[in-house]
Amino acid sequence: MSVKNQKPAVDTLANILAGGLALALVLTPRFVPPCTPAMETASPMHCHWTFQADLLLALATLMVAGALCVVRHAEARRVVGGVLALFGVLVIAVTQPWGIGLCGSSHMPCHYTAHWLWLWAALLIGNGVFIASRARIPADKIIPADPWEVGEKPVKGAI
């Protein structure tokens, strides 16, 4: 592999961090449970559905973070970084009162679990924006070169 095709260490570290944060989003409700069995009622509370939705978002985030292992083009890395940031925003949005929401009492364990998820999601948003901003698209792909500046003669009737 030539030196030109190698990824900088910063990009590799950002990829690993994205995977770690996605894994943290998946595992946090398992290690910091939102509800204890004694609190469960006949029908699940808001927090149950909130964390079910967050689990689905976290699994999708894990798959998108895994895509960073195979994505090489700048345009694709920019999209993947943006999707990671979007999933981080959605994880936070689901737990808000205008989303699915949490239990009414701030002393319930689901609020403690949500604080951990907010931390991981905020870091994921920052990491996604960082990955997207590091994906530089070459200028010749954004704006085609002017044939007069390059020294070529334009084709008659092209303009």
N, C-alpha and C. Protein backbone atom coordinates (compact mmCIF):
# COMPACT_ATOMS: atom_id res chain seq x y z
N MET A 1 0.86 -1.17 0.00
CA MET A 1 0.00 0.00 0.00
C MET A 1 0.89 1.23 0.00
N SER A 2 0.58 2.15 -0.88
CA SER A 2 1.40 3.35 -0.97
C SER A 2 1.07 4.30 0.17
N VAL A 3 1.97 5.22 0.39
CA VAL A 3 1.79 6.18 1.47
C VAL A 3 0.59 7.07 1.19
N LYS A 4 0.32 7.35 -0.09
CA LYS A 4 -0.79 8.23 -0.45
C LYS A 4 -2.14 7.65 -0.06
N ASN A 5 -2.28 6.32 -0.08
CA ASN A 5 -3.56 5.68 0.22
C ASN A 5 -3.77 5.39 1.70
N GLN A 6 -2.77 5.61 2.53
CA GLN A 6 -2.93 5.34 3.95
C GLN A 6 -3.75 6.43 4.62
N LYS A 7 -4.59 5.99 5.56
CA LYS A 7 -5.38 6.96 6.32
C LYS A 7 -4.53 7.53 7.44
N PRO A 8 -4.68 8.83 7.72
CA PRO A 8 -3.97 9.38 8.87
C PRO A 8 -4.44 8.72 10.16
N ALA A 9 -3.59 8.73 11.15
CA ALA A 9 -3.92 8.12 12.44
C ALA A 9 -5.13 8.78 13.08
N VAL A 10 -5.33 10.06 12.82
CA VAL A 10 -6.48 10.78 13.40
C VAL A 10 -7.78 10.19 12.86
N ASP A 11 -7.81 9.88 11.56
CA ASP A 11 -9.02 9.30 10.98
C ASP A 11 -9.28 7.91 11.54
N THR A 12 -8.24 7.12 11.71
CA THR A 12 -8.40 5.79 12.29
C THR A 12 -8.91 5.89 13.72
N LEU A 13 -8.37 6.81 14.48
CA LEU A 13 -8.83 7.02 15.86
C LEU A 13 -10.29 7.46 15.90
N ALA A 14 -10.69 8.33 14.96
CA ALA A 14 -12.09 8.78 14.90
C ALA A 14 -13.01 7.61 14.54
N ASN A 15 -12.55 6.72 13.66
CA ASN A 15 -13.35 5.54 13.31
C ASN A 15 -13.53 4.62 14.51
N ILE A 16 -12.46 4.40 15.25
CA ILE A 16 -12.53 3.54 16.44
C ILE A 16 -13.44 4.18 17.49
N LEU A 17 -13.32 5.49 17.66
CA LEU A 17 -14.16 6.19 18.63
C LEU A 17 -15.63 6.09 18.24
N ALA A 18 -15.94 6.21 16.95
CA ALA A 18 -17.33 6.09 16.50
C ALA A 18 -17.88 4.71 16.82
N GLY A 19 -17.09 3.68 16.57
CA GLY A 19 -17.53 2.32 16.90
C GLY A 19 -17.70 2.13 18.40
N GLY A 20 -16.79 2.68 19.19
CA GLY A 20 -16.88 2.56 20.64
C GLY A 20 -18.08 3.29 21.20
N LEU A 21 -18.37 4.48 20.66
CA LEU A 21 -19.54 5.23 21.13
C LEU A 21 -20.83 4.52 20.74
N ALA A 22 -20.87 3.95 19.53
CA ALA A 22 -22.06 3.20 19.12
C ALA A 22 -22.26 1.98 20.01
N LEU A 23 -21.18 1.31 20.34
CA LEU A 23 -21.26 0.16 21.24
C LEU A 23 -21.69 0.60 22.64
N ALA A 24 -21.23 1.75 23.09
CA ALA A 24 -21.64 2.27 24.40
C ALA A 24 -23.14 2.58 24.41
N LEU A 25 -23.66 3.10 23.29
CA LEU A 25 -25.10 3.36 23.20
C LEU A 25 -25.91 2.06 23.29
N VAL A 26 -25.37 1.00 22.71
CA VAL A 26 -26.07 -0.29 22.76
C VAL A 26 -26.03 -0.89 24.16
N LEU A 27 -24.87 -0.81 24.82
CA LEU A 27 -24.67 -1.53 26.08
C LEU A 27 -25.08 -0.75 27.34
N THR A 28 -25.17 0.56 27.27
CA THR A 28 -25.48 1.35 28.46
C THR A 28 -26.78 0.93 29.14
N PRO A 29 -27.90 0.74 28.41
CA PRO A 29 -29.12 0.30 29.12
C PRO A 29 -28.99 -1.09 29.74
N ARG A 30 -28.03 -1.87 29.29
CA ARG A 30 -27.83 -3.21 29.87
C ARG A 30 -27.06 -3.12 31.19
N PHE A 31 -26.12 -2.17 31.27
CA PHE A 31 -25.31 -2.03 32.48
C PHE A 31 -25.88 -1.00 33.45
N VAL A 32 -26.65 -0.04 32.95
CA VAL A 32 -27.32 0.95 33.77
C VAL A 32 -28.81 0.83 33.43
N PRO A 33 -29.48 -0.18 34.00
CA PRO A 33 -30.87 -0.44 33.58
C PRO A 33 -31.81 0.71 33.92
N PRO A 34 -32.68 1.05 32.96
CA PRO A 34 -33.61 2.16 33.20
C PRO A 34 -34.70 1.83 34.21
N CYS A 35 -35.10 0.58 34.32
CA CYS A 35 -36.15 0.20 35.27
C CYS A 35 -35.75 -1.10 35.97
N THR A 36 -36.17 -1.23 37.20
CA THR A 36 -35.95 -2.48 37.90
C THR A 36 -37.22 -3.31 37.80
N PRO A 37 -37.15 -4.61 37.96
CA PRO A 37 -38.36 -5.44 37.85
C PRO A 37 -39.46 -5.03 38.82
N ALA A 38 -39.10 -4.48 39.98
CA ALA A 38 -40.11 -4.07 40.95
C ALA A 38 -40.90 -2.87 40.46
N MET A 39 -40.33 -2.08 39.55
CA MET A 39 -41.00 -0.89 39.06
C MET A 39 -41.92 -1.17 37.88
N GLU A 40 -41.78 -2.31 37.27
CA GLU A 40 -42.57 -2.61 36.09
C GLU A 40 -44.04 -2.75 36.48
N THR A 41 -44.88 -2.20 35.65
CA THR A 41 -46.32 -2.22 35.88
C THR A 41 -46.98 -3.15 34.86
N ALA A 42 -48.30 -3.18 34.86
CA ALA A 42 -49.03 -4.04 33.93
C ALA A 42 -48.74 -3.66 32.48
N SER A 43 -48.63 -2.37 32.21
CA SER A 43 -48.24 -1.92 30.87
C SER A 43 -46.92 -1.17 30.99
N PRO A 44 -46.05 -1.30 30.00
CA PRO A 44 -44.74 -0.64 30.09
C PRO A 44 -44.87 0.88 30.18
N MET A 45 -43.93 1.48 30.89
CA MET A 45 -43.93 2.93 31.06
C MET A 45 -43.28 3.57 29.83
N HIS A 46 -43.33 4.91 29.79
CA HIS A 46 -42.72 5.65 28.69
C HIS A 46 -41.26 5.25 28.48
N CYS A 47 -40.54 5.11 29.57
CA CYS A 47 -39.11 4.86 29.45
C CYS A 47 -38.83 3.53 28.75
N HIS A 48 -39.70 2.55 28.91
CA HIS A 48 -39.51 1.28 28.22
C HIS A 48 -39.47 1.49 26.72
N TRP A 49 -40.44 2.23 26.19
CA TRP A 49 -40.51 2.46 24.75
C TRP A 49 -39.41 3.40 24.30
N THR A 50 -39.02 4.32 25.15
CA THR A 50 -37.91 5.21 24.82
C THR A 50 -36.63 4.42 24.61
N PHE A 51 -36.35 3.52 25.52
CA PHE A 51 -35.10 2.78 25.42
C PHE A 51 -35.17 1.68 24.36
N GLN A 52 -36.37 1.24 24.00
CA GLN A 52 -36.49 0.32 22.85
C GLN A 52 -36.14 1.07 21.56
N ALA A 53 -36.65 2.29 21.42
CA ALA A 53 -36.34 3.10 20.25
C ALA A 53 -34.85 3.45 20.23
N ASP A 54 -34.30 3.79 21.39
CA ASP A 54 -32.87 4.10 21.46
C ASP A 54 -32.01 2.89 21.12
N LEU A 55 -32.46 1.69 21.48
CA LEU A 55 -31.71 0.49 21.13
C LEU A 55 -31.67 0.30 19.62
N LEU A 56 -32.80 0.52 18.95
CA LEU A 56 -32.82 0.40 17.49
C LEU A 56 -31.91 1.44 16.84
N LEU A 57 -31.95 2.67 17.36
CA LEU A 57 -31.06 3.72 16.84
C LEU A 57 -29.59 3.36 17.09
N ALA A 58 -29.31 2.81 18.27
CA ALA A 58 -27.94 2.44 18.61
C ALA A 58 -27.44 1.31 17.71
N LEU A 59 -28.29 0.35 17.40
CA LEU A 59 -27.88 -0.74 16.50
C LEU A 59 -27.61 -0.21 15.09
N ALA A 60 -28.46 0.72 14.63
CA ALA A 60 -28.23 1.34 13.32
C ALA A 60 -26.93 2.15 13.35
N THR A 61 -26.67 2.83 14.45
CA THR A 61 -25.43 3.59 14.60
C THR A 61 -24.22 2.67 14.56
N LEU A 62 -24.34 1.51 15.18
CA LEU A 62 -23.24 0.55 15.17
C LEU A 62 -22.95 0.07 13.75
N MET A 63 -23.99 -0.16 12.96
CA MET A 63 -23.79 -0.58 11.57
C MET A 63 -23.16 0.53 10.74
N VAL A 64 -23.60 1.77 10.93
CA VAL A 64 -23.03 2.89 10.18
C VAL A 64 -21.58 3.12 10.60
N ALA A 65 -21.29 2.99 11.88
CA ALA A 65 -19.91 3.13 12.34
C ALA A 65 -19.04 2.02 11.76
N GLY A 66 -19.60 0.84 11.61
CA GLY A 66 -18.87 -0.26 10.97
C GLY A 66 -18.57 0.03 9.51
N ALA A 67 -19.41 0.83 8.87
CA ALA A 67 -19.17 1.19 7.47
C ALA A 67 -17.90 2.02 7.32
N LEU A 68 -17.47 2.68 8.38
CA LEU A 68 -16.25 3.48 8.31
C LEU A 68 -15.03 2.61 8.03
N CYS A 69 -15.12 1.31 8.32
CA CYS A 69 -14.00 0.41 8.06
C CYS A 69 -13.79 0.19 6.56
N VAL A 70 -14.84 0.31 5.77
CA VAL A 70 -14.73 0.01 4.34
C VAL A 70 -14.86 1.24 3.46
N VAL A 71 -15.35 2.34 3.98
CA VAL A 71 -15.56 3.54 3.18
C VAL A 71 -14.24 4.27 3.02
N ARG A 72 -13.88 4.57 1.77
CA ARG A 72 -12.61 5.25 1.52
C ARG A 72 -12.79 6.63 0.87
N HIS A 73 -13.83 6.80 0.06
CA HIS A 73 -13.99 8.05 -0.67
C HIS A 73 -14.44 9.18 0.26
N ALA A 74 -13.97 10.38 -0.03
CA ALA A 74 -14.26 11.53 0.83
C ALA A 74 -15.75 11.81 0.89
N GLU A 75 -16.46 11.68 -0.25
CA GLU A 75 -17.89 11.95 -0.26
C GLU A 75 -18.63 10.98 0.65
N ALA A 76 -18.23 9.72 0.61
CA ALA A 76 -18.89 8.70 1.44
C ALA A 76 -18.58 8.92 2.91
N ARG A 77 -17.34 9.28 3.24
CA ARG A 77 -16.98 9.54 4.64
C ARG A 77 -17.76 10.75 5.16
N ARG A 78 -17.98 11.73 4.31
CA ARG A 78 -18.75 12.91 4.71
C ARG A 78 -20.19 12.51 5.03
N VAL A 79 -20.77 11.67 4.20
CA VAL A 79 -22.14 11.21 4.43
C VAL A 79 -22.22 10.37 5.70
N VAL A 80 -21.28 9.45 5.88
CA VAL A 80 -21.29 8.59 7.07
C VAL A 80 -21.12 9.44 8.33
N GLY A 81 -20.24 10.42 8.32
CA GLY A 81 -20.08 11.31 9.47
C GLY A 81 -21.36 12.07 9.77
N GLY A 82 -22.04 12.54 8.73
CA GLY A 82 -23.30 13.24 8.92
C GLY A 82 -24.39 12.34 9.48
N VAL A 83 -24.42 11.10 9.01
CA VAL A 83 -25.43 10.14 9.51
C VAL A 83 -25.16 9.82 10.98
N LEU A 84 -23.89 9.67 11.35
CA LEU A 84 -23.56 9.42 12.76
C LEU A 84 -24.01 10.59 13.63
N ALA A 85 -23.77 11.81 13.18
CA ALA A 85 -24.21 12.98 13.94
C ALA A 85 -25.74 13.02 14.03
N LEU A 86 -26.41 12.69 12.94
CA LEU A 86 -27.88 12.66 12.93
C LEU A 86 -28.42 11.62 13.91
N PHE A 87 -27.81 10.44 13.94
CA PHE A 87 -28.26 9.41 14.89
C PHE A 87 -28.03 9.87 16.33
N GLY A 88 -26.94 10.59 16.58
CA GLY A 88 -26.72 11.13 17.92
C GLY A 88 -27.81 12.11 18.32
N VAL A 89 -28.22 12.96 17.38
CA VAL A 89 -29.32 13.90 17.65
C VAL A 89 -30.61 13.14 17.91
N LEU A 90 -30.88 12.09 17.13
CA LEU A 90 -32.11 11.32 17.31
C LEU A 90 -32.15 10.59 18.65
N VAL A 91 -31.00 10.08 19.10
CA VAL A 91 -30.96 9.42 20.41
C VAL A 91 -31.35 10.39 21.51
N ILE A 92 -30.85 11.62 21.42
CA ILE A 92 -31.21 12.63 22.42
C ILE A 92 -32.68 13.02 22.27
N ALA A 93 -33.15 13.17 21.03
CA ALA A 93 -34.53 13.62 20.78
C ALA A 93 -35.56 12.63 21.30
N VAL A 94 -35.27 11.34 21.20
CA VAL A 94 -36.24 10.33 21.64
C VAL A 94 -36.51 10.45 23.14
N THR A 95 -35.52 10.83 23.91
CA THR A 95 -35.68 10.88 25.36
C THR A 95 -36.31 12.19 25.85
N GLN A 96 -36.53 13.14 24.97
CA GLN A 96 -37.10 14.43 25.37
C GLN A 96 -38.62 14.31 25.54
N PRO A 97 -39.22 15.21 26.31
CA PRO A 97 -40.68 15.15 26.51
C PRO A 97 -41.47 15.27 25.20
N TRP A 98 -40.95 16.00 24.22
CA TRP A 98 -41.63 16.11 22.93
C TRP A 98 -41.33 14.92 22.04
N GLY A 99 -40.42 14.04 22.46
CA GLY A 99 -40.18 12.76 21.80
C GLY A 99 -41.05 11.73 22.49
N ILE A 100 -40.50 10.56 22.72
CA ILE A 100 -41.26 9.55 23.48
C ILE A 100 -41.26 9.93 24.95
N GLY A 101 -40.13 10.39 25.44
CA GLY A 101 -40.05 10.90 26.81
C GLY A 101 -39.62 9.86 27.83
N LEU A 102 -39.47 10.33 29.05
CA LEU A 102 -39.08 9.50 30.19
C LEU A 102 -40.18 9.58 31.24
N CYS A 103 -39.97 8.91 32.35
CA CYS A 103 -40.92 8.95 33.46
C CYS A 103 -41.01 10.38 34.01
N GLY A 104 -42.12 10.68 34.65
CA GLY A 104 -42.34 12.03 35.17
C GLY A 104 -41.41 12.42 36.29
N SER A 105 -41.04 11.49 37.14
CA SER A 105 -40.19 11.80 38.29
C SER A 105 -38.72 11.75 37.89
N SER A 106 -38.01 12.81 38.23
CA SER A 106 -36.58 12.85 37.89
C SER A 106 -35.74 11.93 38.78
N HIS A 107 -36.36 11.32 39.78
CA HIS A 107 -35.64 10.40 40.67
C HIS A 107 -35.68 8.96 40.16
N MET A 108 -36.34 8.72 39.06
CA MET A 108 -36.43 7.36 38.51
C MET A 108 -35.10 6.99 37.84
N PRO A 109 -34.76 5.71 37.84
CA PRO A 109 -33.49 5.29 37.25
C PRO A 109 -33.38 5.56 35.74
N CYS A 110 -34.50 5.70 35.05
CA CYS A 110 -34.43 5.95 33.61
C CYS A 110 -33.77 7.30 33.30
N HIS A 111 -33.88 8.26 34.21
CA HIS A 111 -33.23 9.55 34.00
C HIS A 111 -31.72 9.41 34.11
N TYR A 112 -31.27 8.57 35.01
CA TYR A 112 -29.83 8.33 35.16
C TYR A 112 -29.28 7.65 33.90
N THR A 113 -30.02 6.66 33.38
CA THR A 113 -29.60 5.99 32.15
C THR A 113 -29.59 6.97 30.99
N ALA A 114 -30.60 7.83 30.93
CA ALA A 114 -30.68 8.82 29.85
C ALA A 114 -29.50 9.77 29.88
N HIS A 115 -29.02 10.14 31.06
CA HIS A 115 -27.87 11.03 31.14
C HIS A 115 -26.64 10.39 30.51
N TRP A 116 -26.46 9.11 30.72
CA TRP A 116 -25.34 8.40 30.08
C TRP A 116 -25.52 8.38 28.57
N LEU A 117 -26.74 8.11 28.12
CA LEU A 117 -26.98 8.09 26.67
C LEU A 117 -26.76 9.47 26.06
N TRP A 118 -27.13 10.52 26.77
CA TRP A 118 -26.90 11.88 26.27
C TRP A 118 -25.42 12.15 26.13
N LEU A 119 -24.63 11.69 27.09
CA LEU A 119 -23.19 11.88 27.00
C LEU A 119 -22.63 11.18 25.76
N TRP A 120 -22.99 9.90 25.58
CA TRP A 120 -22.47 9.16 24.42
C TRP A 120 -22.97 9.79 23.12
N ALA A 121 -24.23 10.22 23.09
CA ALA A 121 -24.80 10.81 21.88
C ALA A 121 -24.13 12.15 21.56
N ALA A 122 -23.85 12.95 22.57
CA ALA A 122 -23.18 14.23 22.34
C ALA A 122 -21.77 14.01 21.79
N LEU A 123 -21.07 13.03 22.35
CA LEU A 123 -19.74 12.71 21.82
C LEU A 123 -19.83 12.15 20.40
N LEU A 124 -20.88 11.39 20.12
CA LEU A 124 -21.08 10.86 18.78
C LEU A 124 -21.37 11.98 17.78
N ILE A 125 -22.15 12.97 18.19
CA ILE A 125 -22.42 14.11 17.32
C ILE A 125 -21.11 14.83 16.99
N GLY A 126 -20.32 15.09 18.01
CA GLY A 126 -19.03 15.76 17.77
C GLY A 126 -18.11 14.94 16.89
N ASN A 127 -18.07 13.64 17.12
CA ASN A 127 -17.22 12.77 16.31
C ASN A 127 -17.72 12.69 14.87
N GLY A 128 -19.03 12.62 14.69
CA GLY A 128 -19.58 12.59 13.34
C GLY A 128 -19.28 13.86 12.57
N VAL A 129 -19.41 15.00 13.23
CA VAL A 129 -19.08 16.28 12.58
C VAL A 129 -17.59 16.32 12.26
N PHE A 130 -16.75 15.81 13.17
CA PHE A 130 -15.31 15.78 12.93
C PHE A 130 -14.98 14.91 11.72
N ILE A 131 -15.58 13.72 11.63
CA ILE A 131 -15.34 12.83 10.51
C ILE A 131 -15.78 13.48 9.21
N ALA A 132 -16.94 14.11 9.22
CA ALA A 132 -17.44 14.77 8.01
C ALA A 132 -16.55 15.94 7.60
N SER A 133 -16.04 16.67 8.58
CA SER A 133 -15.21 17.83 8.24
C SER A 133 -13.82 17.42 7.77
N ARG A 134 -13.34 16.26 8.20
CA ARG A 134 -12.02 15.78 7.76
C ARG A 134 -12.06 15.21 6.35
N ALA A 135 -13.23 14.89 5.85
CA ALA A 135 -13.35 14.30 4.51
C ALA A 135 -13.29 15.44 3.49
N ARG A 136 -12.11 15.70 3.01
CA ARG A 136 -11.92 16.78 2.06
C ARG A 136 -12.12 16.26 0.64
N ILE A 137 -13.02 16.93 -0.07
CA ILE A 137 -13.25 16.59 -1.46
C ILE A 137 -12.30 17.44 -2.30
N PRO A 138 -11.53 16.83 -3.19
CA PRO A 138 -10.60 17.61 -4.01
C PRO A 138 -11.33 18.70 -4.80
N ALA A 139 -10.70 19.84 -4.95
CA ALA A 139 -11.33 20.97 -5.61
C ALA A 139 -11.71 20.67 -7.05
N ASP A 140 -10.95 19.82 -7.73
CA ASP A 140 -11.27 19.52 -9.12
C ASP A 140 -12.55 18.69 -9.26
N LYS A 141 -12.98 18.07 -8.15
CA LYS A 141 -14.25 17.32 -8.18
C LYS A 141 -15.43 18.23 -7.88
N ILE A 142 -15.18 19.33 -7.19
CA ILE A 142 -16.26 20.25 -6.84
C ILE A 142 -16.52 21.21 -7.99
N ILE A 143 -15.47 21.87 -8.48
CA ILE A 143 -15.59 22.85 -9.55
C ILE A 143 -14.73 22.37 -10.71
N PRO A 144 -15.32 22.11 -11.86
CA PRO A 144 -14.50 21.68 -12.98
C PRO A 144 -13.53 22.78 -13.39
N ALA A 145 -12.38 22.38 -13.86
CA ALA A 145 -11.36 23.34 -14.26
C ALA A 145 -11.82 24.11 -15.50
N ASP A 146 -11.49 25.39 -15.53
CA ASP A 146 -11.80 26.23 -16.68
C ASP A 146 -10.81 25.89 -17.79
N PRO A 147 -11.29 25.55 -18.97
CA PRO A 147 -10.35 25.14 -20.03
C PRO A 147 -9.39 26.25 -20.43
N TRP A 148 -9.77 27.51 -20.25
CA TRP A 148 -8.86 28.60 -20.61
C TRP A 148 -7.68 28.68 -19.64
N GLU A 149 -7.94 28.34 -18.35
CA GLU A 149 -6.87 28.38 -17.35
C GLU A 149 -5.92 27.20 -17.49
N VAL A 150 -6.42 26.08 -17.92
CA VAL A 150 -5.62 24.88 -18.05
C VAL A 150 -4.75 24.95 -19.30
N GLY A 151 -5.15 25.77 -20.28
CA GLY A 151 -4.37 25.90 -21.50
C GLY A 151 -4.98 25.14 -22.66
N GLU A 152 -6.14 24.55 -22.45
CA GLU A 152 -6.81 23.85 -23.53
C GLU A 152 -7.71 24.83 -24.26
N LYS A 153 -7.93 24.55 -25.52
CA LYS A 153 -8.86 25.37 -26.28
C LYS A 153 -10.25 24.78 -26.11
N PRO A 154 -11.25 25.61 -25.79
CA PRO A 154 -12.59 25.06 -25.64
C PRO A 154 -13.13 24.59 -26.99
N VAL A 155 -14.01 23.65 -26.94
CA VAL A 155 -14.64 23.12 -28.14
C VAL A 155 -15.61 24.16 -28.67
N LYS A 156 -15.59 24.35 -29.99
CA LYS A 156 -16.51 25.33 -30.59
C LYS A 156 -17.94 24.94 -30.33
N GLY A 157 -18.74 25.91 -29.98
CA GLY A 157 -20.15 25.69 -29.75
C GLY A 157 -20.47 25.09 -28.39
N ALA A 158 -19.46 24.92 -27.53
CA ALA A 158 -19.70 24.33 -26.22
C ALA A 158 -20.36 25.34 -25.28
N ILE A 159 -20.12 26.62 -25.53
CA ILE A 159 -20.69 27.62 -24.64
C ILE A 159 -21.74 28.43 -25.35
